[in-house]
Amino acid sequence: KEEFVKDYIYPTIASGAIYEGTYLLGTSMARPIIAKAQVEV
């Protein structure tokens, strides 16, 4: 949870990223941290 917000959500929203003018990428941002943790396991 903390890593997700600190290292993925915060950098993404700081960049101003918003997909097709409306979508704040909530699902998309979670995928890389989940994949990374899965590889670590």
Full PDB file with SEQRES, HELIX, SHEET, SSBOND, CRYST1, ORIGX, SCALE, CONECT and MASTER records, all heavy atoms in Angstrom:
SEQRES   1 A   41  LYS GLU GLU PHE VAL LYS ASP TYR ILE TYR PRO THR ILE          
SEQRES   2 A   41  ALA SER GLY ALA ILE TYR GLU GLY THR TYR LEU LEU GLY          
SEQRES   3 A   41  THR SER MET ALA ARG PRO ILE ILE ALA LYS ALA GLN VAL          
SEQRES   4 A   41  GLU VAL                                                      
HELIX    1 AA1 GLU A    2  PHE A    4  1                                   3    
HELIX    2 AA2 VAL A    5  ILE A    9  3                                   5    
HELIX    3 AA3 TYR A   10  SER A   15  1                                   6    
HELIX    4 AA4 GLY A   26  GLU A   40  1                                  15    
CRYST1    1.000    1.000    1.000  90.00  90.00  90.00 P 1           1          
ORIGX1      1.000000  0.000000  0.000000        0.00000                         
ORIGX2      0.000000  1.000000  0.000000        0.00000                         
ORIGX3      0.000000  0.000000  1.000000        0.00000                         
SCALE1      1.000000  0.000000  0.000000        0.00000                         
SCALE2      0.000000  1.000000  0.000000        0.00000                         
SCALE3      0.000000  0.000000  1.000000        0.00000                         
ATOM      1  N   LYS A   1       0.820  -1.223   0.000  1.00  0.00           N  
ATOM      2  CA  LYS A   1       0.000   0.000   0.000  1.00  0.00           C  
ATOM      3  C   LYS A   1       0.849   1.266   0.000  1.00  0.00           C  
ATOM      4  O   LYS A   1       0.641   2.166  -0.836  1.00  0.00           O  
ATOM      5  CB  LYS A   1      -0.961  -0.010   1.199  1.00  0.00           C  
ATOM      6  CG  LYS A   1      -2.005  -1.129   1.160  1.00  0.00           C  
ATOM      7  CD  LYS A   1      -3.059  -0.959   2.220  1.00  0.00           C  
ATOM      8  CE  LYS A   1      -2.537  -1.162   3.634  1.00  0.00           C  
ATOM      9  NZ  LYS A   1      -2.124  -2.559   3.889  1.00  0.00           N  
ATOM     10  N   GLU A   2       1.765   1.391   0.937  1.00  0.00           N  
ATOM     11  CA  GLU A   2       2.569   2.622   1.007  1.00  0.00           C  
ATOM     12  C   GLU A   2       3.452   2.779  -0.235  1.00  0.00           C  
ATOM     13  O   GLU A   2       3.563   3.872  -0.798  1.00  0.00           O  
ATOM     14  CB  GLU A   2       3.440   2.632   2.266  1.00  0.00           C  
ATOM     15  CG  GLU A   2       2.694   2.973   3.544  1.00  0.00           C  
ATOM     16  CD  GLU A   2       2.280   4.453   3.631  1.00  0.00           C  
ATOM     17  OE1 GLU A   2       2.626   5.244   2.734  1.00  0.00           O  
ATOM     18  OE2 GLU A   2       1.601   4.797   4.609  1.00  0.00           O  
ATOM     19  N   GLU A   3       4.089   1.689  -0.646  1.00  0.00           N  
ATOM     20  CA  GLU A   3       4.950   1.747  -1.819  1.00  0.00           C  
ATOM     21  C   GLU A   3       4.151   2.111  -3.065  1.00  0.00           C  
ATOM     22  O   GLU A   3       4.611   2.877  -3.917  1.00  0.00           O  
ATOM     23  CB  GLU A   3       5.649   0.402  -2.019  1.00  0.00           C  
ATOM     24  CG  GLU A   3       6.621   0.384  -3.186  1.00  0.00           C  
ATOM     25  CD  GLU A   3       7.239  -0.987  -3.422  1.00  0.00           C  
ATOM     26  OE1 GLU A   3       6.981  -1.909  -2.629  1.00  0.00           O  
ATOM     27  OE2 GLU A   3       7.978  -1.126  -4.420  1.00  0.00           O  
ATOM     28  N   PHE A   4       2.961   1.563  -3.173  1.00  0.00           N  
ATOM     29  CA  PHE A   4       2.103   1.845  -4.322  1.00  0.00           C  
ATOM     30  C   PHE A   4       1.810   3.334  -4.443  1.00  0.00           C  
ATOM     31  O   PHE A   4       1.968   3.929  -5.515  1.00  0.00           O  
ATOM     32  CB  PHE A   4       0.804   1.045  -4.174  1.00  0.00           C  
ATOM     33  CG  PHE A   4      -0.238   1.312  -5.228  1.00  0.00           C  
ATOM     34  CD1 PHE A   4       0.103   1.475  -6.562  1.00  0.00           C  
ATOM     35  CD2 PHE A   4      -1.577   1.389  -4.872  1.00  0.00           C  
ATOM     36  CE1 PHE A   4      -0.877   1.712  -7.526  1.00  0.00           C  
ATOM     37  CE2 PHE A   4      -2.556   1.629  -5.825  1.00  0.00           C  
ATOM     38  CZ  PHE A   4      -2.204   1.792  -7.161  1.00  0.00           C  
ATOM     39  N   VAL A   5       1.412   3.958  -3.347  1.00  0.00           N  
ATOM     40  CA  VAL A   5       1.070   5.379  -3.401  1.00  0.00           C  
ATOM     41  C   VAL A   5       2.324   6.230  -3.585  1.00  0.00           C  
ATOM     42  O   VAL A   5       2.365   7.134  -4.429  1.00  0.00           O  
ATOM     43  CB  VAL A   5       0.300   5.816  -2.143  1.00  0.00           C  
ATOM     44  CG1 VAL A   5      -0.101   7.293  -2.249  1.00  0.00           C  
ATOM     45  CG2 VAL A   5      -0.956   4.956  -1.949  1.00  0.00           C  
ATOM     46  N   LYS A   6       3.364   5.926  -2.822  1.00  0.00           N  
ATOM     47  CA  LYS A   6       4.581   6.750  -2.834  1.00  0.00           C  
ATOM     48  C   LYS A   6       5.337   6.664  -4.157  1.00  0.00           C  
ATOM     49  O   LYS A   6       5.774   7.693  -4.696  1.00  0.00           O  
ATOM     50  CB  LYS A   6       5.496   6.323  -1.685  1.00  0.00           C  
ATOM     51  CG  LYS A   6       6.831   7.059  -1.624  1.00  0.00           C  
ATOM     52  CD  LYS A   6       7.632   6.602  -0.412  1.00  0.00           C  
ATOM     53  CE  LYS A   6       8.999   7.274  -0.341  1.00  0.00           C  
ATOM     54  NZ  LYS A   6       9.905   6.764  -1.404  1.00  0.00           N  
ATOM     55  N   ASP A   7       5.507   5.452  -4.689  1.00  0.00           N  
ATOM     56  CA  ASP A   7       6.412   5.260  -5.818  1.00  0.00           C  
ATOM     57  C   ASP A   7       5.725   5.120  -7.171  1.00  0.00           C  
ATOM     58  O   ASP A   7       6.400   5.115  -8.211  1.00  0.00           O  
ATOM     59  CB  ASP A   7       7.286   4.025  -5.579  1.00  0.00           C  
ATOM     60  CG  ASP A   7       8.234   4.205  -4.399  1.00  0.00           C  
ATOM     61  OD1 ASP A   7       8.492   5.362  -4.019  1.00  0.00           O  
ATOM     62  OD2 ASP A   7       8.697   3.188  -3.847  1.00  0.00           O  
ATOM     63  N   TYR A   8       4.406   5.006  -7.174  1.00  0.00           N  
ATOM     64  CA  TYR A   8       3.699   4.839  -8.442  1.00  0.00           C  
ATOM     65  C   TYR A   8       2.609   5.898  -8.633  1.00  0.00           C  
ATOM     66  O   TYR A   8       2.586   6.594  -9.654  1.00  0.00           O  
ATOM     67  CB  TYR A   8       3.103   3.422  -8.543  1.00  0.00           C  
ATOM     68  CG  TYR A   8       4.176   2.357  -8.609  1.00  0.00           C  
ATOM     69  CD1 TYR A   8       4.808   1.907  -7.445  1.00  0.00           C  
ATOM     70  CD2 TYR A   8       4.595   1.820  -9.823  1.00  0.00           C  
ATOM     71  CE1 TYR A   8       5.816   0.954  -7.499  1.00  0.00           C  
ATOM     72  CE2 TYR A   8       5.602   0.862  -9.889  1.00  0.00           C  
ATOM     73  CZ  TYR A   8       6.212   0.438  -8.718  1.00  0.00           C  
ATOM     74  OH  TYR A   8       7.216  -0.502  -8.777  1.00  0.00           O  
ATOM     75  N   ILE A   9       1.722   6.035  -7.636  1.00  0.00           N  
ATOM     76  CA  ILE A   9       0.644   7.018  -7.769  1.00  0.00           C  
ATOM     77  C   ILE A   9       1.189   8.441  -7.736  1.00  0.00           C  
ATOM     78  O   ILE A   9       0.890   9.254  -8.624  1.00  0.00           O  
ATOM     79  CB  ILE A   9      -0.415   6.822  -6.665  1.00  0.00           C  
ATOM     80  CG1 ILE A   9      -1.156   5.494  -6.877  1.00  0.00           C  
ATOM     81  CG2 ILE A   9      -1.404   7.995  -6.654  1.00  0.00           C  
ATOM     82  CD1 ILE A   9      -2.159   5.172  -5.777  1.00  0.00           C  
ATOM     83  N   TYR A  10       1.982   8.772  -6.723  1.00  0.00           N  
ATOM     84  CA  TYR A  10       2.476  10.142  -6.593  1.00  0.00           C  
ATOM     85  C   TYR A  10       3.282  10.600  -7.810  1.00  0.00           C  
ATOM     86  O   TYR A  10       3.059  11.698  -8.334  1.00  0.00           O  
ATOM     87  CB  TYR A  10       3.285  10.288  -5.304  1.00  0.00           C  
ATOM     88  CG  TYR A  10       2.459  10.727  -4.102  1.00  0.00           C  
ATOM     89  CD1 TYR A  10       1.081  10.533  -4.068  1.00  0.00           C  
ATOM     90  CD2 TYR A  10       3.047  11.333  -3.004  1.00  0.00           C  
ATOM     91  CE1 TYR A  10       0.324  10.932  -2.977  1.00  0.00           C  
ATOM     92  CE2 TYR A  10       2.298  11.739  -1.904  1.00  0.00           C  
ATOM     93  CZ  TYR A  10       0.942  11.535  -1.889  1.00  0.00           C  
ATOM     94  OH  TYR A  10       0.194  11.942  -0.818  1.00  0.00           O  
ATOM     95  N   PRO A  11       4.237   9.803  -8.311  1.00  0.00           N  
ATOM     96  CA  PRO A  11       4.959  10.251  -9.506  1.00  0.00           C  
ATOM     97  C   PRO A  11       4.054  10.404 -10.731  1.00  0.00           C  
ATOM     98  O   PRO A  11       4.263  11.316 -11.545  1.00  0.00           O  
ATOM     99  CB  PRO A  11       5.995   9.143  -9.735  1.00  0.00           C  
ATOM    100  CG  PRO A  11       6.172   8.513  -8.399  1.00  0.00           C  
ATOM    101  CD  PRO A  11       4.830   8.571  -7.748  1.00  0.00           C  
ATOM    102  N   THR A  12       3.056   9.538 -10.858  1.00  0.00           N  
ATOM    103  CA  THR A  12       2.179   9.604 -12.032  1.00  0.00           C  
ATOM    104  C   THR A  12       1.297  10.845 -11.997  1.00  0.00           C  
ATOM    105  O   THR A  12       1.182  11.563 -13.006  1.00  0.00           O  
ATOM    106  CB  THR A  12       1.310   8.332 -12.135  1.00  0.00           C  
ATOM    107  OG1 THR A  12       2.162   7.185 -12.234  1.00  0.00           O  
ATOM    108  CG2 THR A  12       0.420   8.391 -13.363  1.00  0.00           C  
ATOM    109  N   ILE A  13       0.682  11.124 -10.850  1.00  0.00           N  
ATOM    110  CA  ILE A  13      -0.192  12.300 -10.813  1.00  0.00           C  
ATOM    111  C   ILE A  13       0.635  13.587 -10.820  1.00  0.00           C  
ATOM    112  O   ILE A  13       0.169  14.620 -11.296  1.00  0.00           O  
ATOM    113  CB  ILE A  13      -1.174  12.272  -9.628  1.00  0.00           C  
ATOM    114  CG1 ILE A  13      -0.457  12.289  -8.280  1.00  0.00           C  
ATOM    115  CG2 ILE A  13      -2.105  11.076  -9.732  1.00  0.00           C  
ATOM    116  CD1 ILE A  13      -1.413  12.425  -7.100  1.00  0.00           C  
ATOM    117  N   ALA A  14       1.879  13.530 -10.319  1.00  0.00           N  
ATOM    118  CA  ALA A  14       2.746  14.712 -10.403  1.00  0.00           C  
ATOM    119  C   ALA A  14       3.059  15.053 -11.854  1.00  0.00           C  
ATOM    120  O   ALA A  14       3.225  16.221 -12.208  1.00  0.00           O  
ATOM    121  CB  ALA A  14       4.042  14.478  -9.626  1.00  0.00           C  
ATOM    122  N   SER A  15       3.108  14.033 -12.702  1.00  0.00           N  
ATOM    123  CA  SER A  15       3.383  14.267 -14.123  1.00  0.00           C  
ATOM    124  C   SER A  15       2.191  14.878 -14.842  1.00  0.00           C  
ATOM    125  O   SER A  15       2.328  15.392 -15.956  1.00  0.00           O  
ATOM    126  CB  SER A  15       3.767  12.950 -14.814  1.00  0.00           C  
ATOM    127  OG  SER A  15       2.619  12.142 -15.054  1.00  0.00           O  
ATOM    128  N   GLY A  16       1.011  14.794 -14.217  1.00  0.00           N  
ATOM    129  CA  GLY A  16      -0.201  15.302 -14.855  1.00  0.00           C  
ATOM    130  C   GLY A  16      -0.864  14.303 -15.771  1.00  0.00           C  
ATOM    131  O   GLY A  16      -1.810  14.639 -16.494  1.00  0.00           O  
ATOM    132  N   ALA A  17      -0.418  13.053 -15.755  1.00  0.00           N  
ATOM    133  CA  ALA A  17      -0.943  12.037 -16.668  1.00  0.00           C  
ATOM    134  C   ALA A  17      -2.437  11.803 -16.446  1.00  0.00           C  
ATOM    135  O   ALA A  17      -2.881  11.561 -15.320  1.00  0.00           O  
ATOM    136  CB  ALA A  17      -0.179  10.732 -16.476  1.00  0.00           C  
ATOM    137  N   ILE A  18      -3.196  11.864 -17.523  1.00  0.00           N  
ATOM    138  CA  ILE A  18      -4.624  11.577 -17.489  1.00  0.00           C  
ATOM    139  C   ILE A  18      -4.994  11.032 -18.867  1.00  0.00           C  
ATOM    140  O   ILE A  18      -4.797  11.700 -19.879  1.00  0.00           O  
ATOM    141  CB  ILE A  18      -5.451  12.818 -17.094  1.00  0.00           C  
ATOM    142  CG1 ILE A  18      -6.944  12.484 -17.024  1.00  0.00           C  
ATOM    143  CG2 ILE A  18      -5.174  13.997 -18.005  1.00  0.00           C  
ATOM    144  CD1 ILE A  18      -7.780  13.581 -16.370  1.00  0.00           C  
ATOM    145  N   TYR A  19      -5.484   9.806 -18.921  1.00  0.00           N  
ATOM    146  CA  TYR A  19      -5.683   9.115 -20.189  1.00  0.00           C  
ATOM    147  C   TYR A  19      -6.967   9.567 -20.874  1.00  0.00           C  
ATOM    148  O   TYR A  19      -8.046   9.558 -20.285  1.00  0.00           O  
ATOM    149  CB  TYR A  19      -5.722   7.605 -19.949  1.00  0.00           C  
ATOM    150  CG  TYR A  19      -5.829   6.778 -21.213  1.00  0.00           C  
ATOM    151  CD1 TYR A  19      -4.766   6.703 -22.111  1.00  0.00           C  
ATOM    152  CD2 TYR A  19      -6.988   6.072 -21.507  1.00  0.00           C  
ATOM    153  CE1 TYR A  19      -4.853   5.949 -23.264  1.00  0.00           C  
ATOM    154  CE2 TYR A  19      -7.088   5.309 -22.656  1.00  0.00           C  
ATOM    155  CZ  TYR A  19      -6.014   5.248 -23.534  1.00  0.00           C  
ATOM    156  OH  TYR A  19      -6.112   4.498 -24.690  1.00  0.00           O  
ATOM    157  N   GLU A  20      -6.824   9.958 -22.128  1.00  0.00           N  
ATOM    158  CA  GLU A  20      -7.939  10.406 -22.962  1.00  0.00           C  
ATOM    159  C   GLU A  20      -8.800  11.459 -22.276  1.00  0.00           C  
ATOM    160  O   GLU A  20     -10.020  11.500 -22.422  1.00  0.00           O  
ATOM    161  CB  GLU A  20      -8.773   9.213 -23.436  1.00  0.00           C  
ATOM    162  CG  GLU A  20      -7.978   8.281 -24.334  1.00  0.00           C  
ATOM    163  CD  GLU A  20      -8.781   7.216 -25.045  1.00  0.00           C  
ATOM    164  OE1 GLU A  20      -9.871   6.863 -24.548  1.00  0.00           O  
ATOM    165  OE2 GLU A  20      -8.322   6.728 -26.089  1.00  0.00           O  
ATOM    166  N   GLY A  21      -8.118  12.303 -21.510  1.00  0.00           N  
ATOM    167  CA  GLY A  21      -8.755  13.482 -20.951  1.00  0.00           C  
ATOM    168  C   GLY A  21      -9.543  13.298 -19.680  1.00  0.00           C  
ATOM    169  O   GLY A  21      -9.926  14.282 -19.035  1.00  0.00           O  
ATOM    170  N   THR A  22      -9.783  12.048 -19.259  1.00  0.00           N  
ATOM    171  CA  THR A  22     -10.638  11.840 -18.089  1.00  0.00           C  
ATOM    172  C   THR A  22     -10.162  10.774 -17.112  1.00  0.00           C  
ATOM    173  O   THR A  22     -10.440  10.869 -15.916  1.00  0.00           O  
ATOM    174  CB  THR A  22     -12.070  11.447 -18.524  1.00  0.00           C  
ATOM    175  OG1 THR A  22     -11.986  10.387 -19.490  1.00  0.00           O  
ATOM    176  CG2 THR A  22     -12.817  12.618 -19.132  1.00  0.00           C  
ATOM    177  N   TYR A  23      -9.452   9.758 -17.583  1.00  0.00           N  
ATOM    178  CA  TYR A  23      -9.139   8.603 -16.739  1.00  0.00           C  
ATOM    179  C   TYR A  23      -7.823   8.807 -16.002  1.00  0.00           C  
ATOM    180  O   TYR A  23      -6.771   8.989 -16.622  1.00  0.00           O  
ATOM    181  CB  TYR A  23      -9.091   7.348 -17.611  1.00  0.00           C  
ATOM    182  CG  TYR A  23      -8.665   6.085 -16.906  1.00  0.00           C  
ATOM    183  CD1 TYR A  23      -9.096   5.785 -15.615  1.00  0.00           C  
ATOM    184  CD2 TYR A  23      -7.841   5.165 -17.546  1.00  0.00           C  
ATOM    185  CE1 TYR A  23      -8.696   4.627 -14.984  1.00  0.00           C  
ATOM    186  CE2 TYR A  23      -7.444   3.995 -16.931  1.00  0.00           C  
ATOM    187  CZ  TYR A  23      -7.875   3.731 -15.644  1.00  0.00           C  
ATOM    188  OH  TYR A  23      -7.481   2.578 -15.012  1.00  0.00           O  
ATOM    189  N   LEU A  24      -7.877   8.744 -14.678  1.00  0.00           N  
ATOM    190  CA  LEU A  24      -6.705   8.980 -13.838  1.00  0.00           C  
ATOM    191  C   LEU A  24      -5.853   7.732 -13.617  1.00  0.00           C  
ATOM    192  O   LEU A  24      -4.973   7.720 -12.761  1.00  0.00           O  
ATOM    193  CB  LEU A  24      -7.138   9.567 -12.489  1.00  0.00           C  
ATOM    194  CG  LEU A  24      -7.654  11.015 -12.544  1.00  0.00           C  
ATOM    195  CD1 LEU A  24      -8.157  11.461 -11.180  1.00  0.00           C  
ATOM    196  CD2 LEU A  24      -6.579  11.961 -13.040  1.00  0.00           C  
ATOM    197  N   LEU A  25      -6.112   6.665 -14.376  1.00  0.00           N  
ATOM    198  CA  LEU A  25      -5.185   5.534 -14.497  1.00  0.00           C  
ATOM    199  C   LEU A  25      -5.086   4.678 -13.239  1.00  0.00           C  
ATOM    200  O   LEU A  25      -4.046   4.069 -12.971  1.00  0.00           O  
ATOM    201  CB  LEU A  25      -3.793   6.044 -14.911  1.00  0.00           C  
ATOM    202  CG  LEU A  25      -3.741   6.750 -16.267  1.00  0.00           C  
ATOM    203  CD1 LEU A  25      -2.474   7.609 -16.390  1.00  0.00           C  
ATOM    204  CD2 LEU A  25      -3.774   5.726 -17.397  1.00  0.00           C  
ATOM    205  N   GLY A  26      -6.167   4.609 -12.473  1.00  0.00           N  
ATOM    206  CA  GLY A  26      -6.122   3.867 -11.213  1.00  0.00           C  
ATOM    207  C   GLY A  26      -5.747   2.405 -11.356  1.00  0.00           C  
ATOM    208  O   GLY A  26      -4.917   1.885 -10.602  1.00  0.00           O  
ATOM    209  N   THR A  27      -6.351   1.699 -12.308  1.00  0.00           N  
ATOM    210  CA  THR A  27      -6.007   0.295 -12.529  1.00  0.00           C  
ATOM    211  C   THR A  27      -4.618   0.171 -13.119  1.00  0.00           C  
ATOM    212  O   THR A  27      -3.812  -0.660 -12.695  1.00  0.00           O  
ATOM    213  CB  THR A  27      -7.039  -0.364 -13.460  1.00  0.00           C  
ATOM    214  OG1 THR A  27      -8.322  -0.374 -12.821  1.00  0.00           O  
ATOM    215  CG2 THR A  27      -6.645  -1.802 -13.785  1.00  0.00           C  
ATOM    216  N   SER A  28      -4.329   0.999 -14.108  1.00  0.00           N  
ATOM    217  CA  SER A  28      -3.056   0.906 -14.834  1.00  0.00           C  
ATOM    218  C   SER A  28      -1.861   1.083 -13.911  1.00  0.00           C  
ATOM    219  O   SER A  28      -0.853   0.376 -14.036  1.00  0.00           O  
ATOM    220  CB  SER A  28      -3.008   1.968 -15.937  1.00  0.00           C  
ATOM    221  OG  SER A  28      -4.202   2.004 -16.680  1.00  0.00           O  
ATOM    222  N   MET A  29      -1.941   2.038 -12.978  1.00  0.00           N  
ATOM    223  CA  MET A  29      -0.807   2.312 -12.089  1.00  0.00           C  
ATOM    224  C   MET A  29      -0.493   1.145 -11.163  1.00  0.00           C  
ATOM    225  O   MET A  29       0.654   0.990 -10.728  1.00  0.00           O  
ATOM    226  CB  MET A  29      -1.096   3.556 -11.245  1.00  0.00           C  
ATOM    227  CG  MET A  29      -1.036   4.845 -12.009  1.00  0.00           C  
ATOM    228  SD  MET A  29      -1.154   6.291 -10.924  1.00  0.00           S  
ATOM    229  CE  MET A  29      -2.858   6.189 -10.370  1.00  0.00           C  
ATOM    230  N   ALA A  30      -1.500   0.332 -10.853  1.00  0.00           N  
ATOM    231  CA  ALA A  30      -1.285  -0.767  -9.909  1.00  0.00           C  
ATOM    232  C   ALA A  30      -0.560  -1.946 -10.538  1.00  0.00           C  
ATOM    233  O   ALA A  30       0.084  -2.739  -9.832  1.00  0.00           O  
ATOM    234  CB  ALA A  30      -2.624  -1.228  -9.341  1.00  0.00           C  
ATOM    235  N   ARG A  31      -0.648  -2.086 -11.850  1.00  0.00           N  
ATOM    236  CA  ARG A  31      -0.115  -3.298 -12.490  1.00  0.00           C  
ATOM    237  C   ARG A  31       1.398  -3.458 -12.359  1.00  0.00           C  
ATOM    238  O   ARG A  31       1.871  -4.569 -12.086  1.00  0.00           O  
ATOM    239  CB  ARG A  31      -0.556  -3.358 -13.951  1.00  0.00           C  
ATOM    240  CG  ARG A  31      -2.065  -3.480 -14.155  1.00  0.00           C  
ATOM    241  CD  ARG A  31      -2.719  -4.380 -13.143  1.00  0.00           C  
ATOM    242  NE  ARG A  31      -4.126  -4.629 -13.357  1.00  0.00           N  
ATOM    243  CZ  ARG A  31      -5.000  -4.712 -12.382  1.00  0.00           C  
ATOM    244  NH1 ARG A  31      -4.618  -4.498 -11.113  1.00  0.00           N  
ATOM    245  NH2 ARG A  31      -6.264  -4.997 -12.631  1.00  0.00           N  
ATOM    246  N   PRO A  32       2.203  -2.424 -12.557  1.00  0.00           N  
ATOM    247  CA  PRO A  32       3.650  -2.654 -12.462  1.00  0.00           C  
ATOM    248  C   PRO A  32       4.123  -3.056 -11.076  1.00  0.00           C  
ATOM    249  O   PRO A  32       5.007  -3.914 -10.953  1.00  0.00           O  
ATOM    250  CB  PRO A  32       4.259  -1.317 -12.902  1.00  0.00           C  
ATOM    251  CG  PRO A  32       3.162  -0.316 -12.824  1.00  0.00           C  
ATOM    252  CD  PRO A  32       1.905  -1.065 -13.076  1.00  0.00           C  
ATOM    253  N   ILE A  33       3.549  -2.485 -10.019  1.00  0.00           N  
ATOM    254  CA  ILE A  33       4.008  -2.868  -8.682  1.00  0.00           C  
ATOM    255  C   ILE A  33       3.561  -4.286  -8.345  1.00  0.00           C  
ATOM    256  O   ILE A  33       4.283  -5.044  -7.689  1.00  0.00           O  
ATOM    257  CB  ILE A  33       3.544  -1.855  -7.605  1.00  0.00           C  
ATOM    258  CG1 ILE A  33       4.225  -2.175  -6.274  1.00  0.00           C  
ATOM    259  CG2 ILE A  33       2.034  -1.822  -7.465  1.00  0.00           C  
ATOM    260  CD1 ILE A  33       3.955  -1.165  -5.180  1.00  0.00           C  
ATOM    261  N   ILE A  34       2.369  -4.676  -8.814  1.00  0.00           N  
ATOM    262  CA  ILE A  34       1.910  -6.046  -8.588  1.00  0.00           C  
ATOM    263  C   ILE A  34       2.809  -7.027  -9.331  1.00  0.00           C  
ATOM    264  O   ILE A  34       3.235  -8.045  -8.778  1.00  0.00           O  
ATOM    265  CB  ILE A  34       0.439  -6.204  -9.041  1.00  0.00           C  
ATOM    266  CG1 ILE A  34      -0.486  -5.366  -8.160  1.00  0.00           C  
ATOM    267  CG2 ILE A  34       0.019  -7.674  -8.988  1.00  0.00           C  
ATOM    268  CD1 ILE A  34      -1.932  -5.327  -8.646  1.00  0.00           C  
ATOM    269  N   ALA A  35       3.117  -6.712 -10.592  1.00  0.00           N  
ATOM    270  CA  ALA A  35       3.973  -7.596 -11.379  1.00  0.00           C  
ATOM    271  C   ALA A  35       5.361  -7.717 -10.750  1.00  0.00           C  
ATOM    272  O   ALA A  35       5.935  -8.806 -10.688  1.00  0.00           O  
ATOM    273  CB  ALA A  35       4.078  -7.069 -12.807  1.00  0.00           C  
ATOM    274  N   LYS A  36       5.903  -6.598 -10.292  1.00  0.00           N  
ATOM    275  CA  LYS A  36       7.233  -6.618  -9.668  1.00  0.00           C  
ATOM    276  C   LYS A  36       7.235  -7.495  -8.413  1.00  0.00           C  
ATOM    277  O   LYS A  36       8.145  -8.304  -8.205  1.00  0.00           O  
ATOM    278  CB  LYS A  36       7.671  -5.197  -9.313  1.00  0.00           C  
ATOM    279  CG  LYS A  36       9.052  -5.111  -8.661  1.00  0.00           C  
ATOM    280  CD  LYS A  36       9.513  -3.674  -8.513  1.00  0.00           C  
ATOM    281  CE  LYS A  36       8.786  -2.967  -7.381  1.00  0.00           C  
ATOM    282  NZ  LYS A  36       9.258  -3.430  -6.038  1.00  0.00           N  
ATOM    283  N   ALA A  37       6.214  -7.342  -7.583  1.00  0.00           N  
ATOM    284  CA  ALA A  37       6.133  -8.141  -6.360  1.00  0.00           C  
ATOM    285  C   ALA A  37       5.929  -9.620  -6.678  1.00  0.00           C  
ATOM    286  O   ALA A  37       6.457 -10.495  -5.978  1.00  0.00           O  
ATOM    287  CB  ALA A  37       5.000  -7.628  -5.480  1.00  0.00           C  
ATOM    288  N   GLN A  38       5.177  -9.901  -7.739  1.00  0.00           N  
ATOM    289  CA  GLN A  38       4.975 -11.300  -8.138  1.00  0.00           C  
ATOM    290  C   GLN A  38       6.293 -11.936  -8.567  1.00  0.00           C  
ATOM    291  O   GLN A  38       6.592 -13.081  -8.202  1.00  0.00           O  
ATOM    292  CB  GLN A  38       3.954 -11.379  -9.270  1.00  0.00           C  
ATOM    293  CG  GLN A  38       3.572 -12.812  -9.644  1.00  0.00           C  
ATOM    294  CD  GLN A  38       2.474 -12.862 -10.699  1.00  0.00           C  
ATOM    295  OE1 GLN A  38       1.925 -11.835 -11.102  1.00  0.00           O  
ATOM    296  NE2 GLN A  38       2.143 -14.062 -11.156  1.00  0.00           N  
ATOM    297  N   VAL A  39       7.084 -11.203  -9.305  1.00  0.00           N  
ATOM    298  CA  VAL A  39       8.402 -11.695  -9.713  1.00  0.00           C  
ATOM    299  C   VAL A  39       9.288 -11.913  -8.488  1.00  0.00           C  
ATOM    300  O   VAL A  39      10.015 -12.924  -8.395  1.00  0.00           O  
ATOM    301  CB  VAL A  39       9.066 -10.714 -10.698  1.00  0.00           C  
ATOM    302  CG1 VAL A  39      10.544 -11.053 -10.893  1.00  0.00           C  
ATOM    303  CG2 VAL A  39       8.334 -10.737 -12.036  1.00  0.00           C  
ATOM    304  N   GLU A  40       9.223 -11.000  -7.527  1.00  0.00           N  
ATOM    305  CA  GLU A  40      10.040 -11.138  -6.317  1.00  0.00           C  
ATOM    306  C   GLU A  40       9.658 -12.400  -5.539  1.00  0.00           C  
ATOM    307  O   GLU A  40      10.529 -13.103  -5.013  1.00  0.00           O  
ATOM    308  CB  GLU A  40       9.881  -9.892  -5.449  1.00  0.00           C  
ATOM    309  CG  GLU A  40      10.561  -8.661  -6.057  1.00  0.00           C  
ATOM    310  CD  GLU A  40      10.204  -7.359  -5.350  1.00  0.00           C  
ATOM    311  OE1 GLU A  40       9.309  -7.393  -4.468  1.00  0.00           O  
ATOM    312  OE2 GLU A  40      10.800  -6.317  -5.684  1.00  0.00           O  
ATOM    313  N   VAL A  41       8.353 -12.687  -5.451  1.00  0.00           N  
ATOM    314  CA  VAL A  41       7.919 -13.929  -4.792  1.00  0.00           C  
ATOM    315  C   VAL A  41       8.419 -15.136  -5.578  1.00  0.00           C  
ATOM    316  O   VAL A  41       8.886 -16.132  -4.994  1.00  0.00           O  
ATOM    317  CB  VAL A  41       6.386 -13.959  -4.644  1.00  0.00           C  
ATOM    318  CG1 VAL A  41       5.913 -15.348  -4.188  1.00  0.00           C  
ATOM    319  CG2 VAL A  41       5.929 -12.908  -3.651  1.00  0.00           C  
TER     320      VAL A  41                                                      
MASTER        0    0    0    4    0    0    0    6  319    1    0    4          
END                                                                             
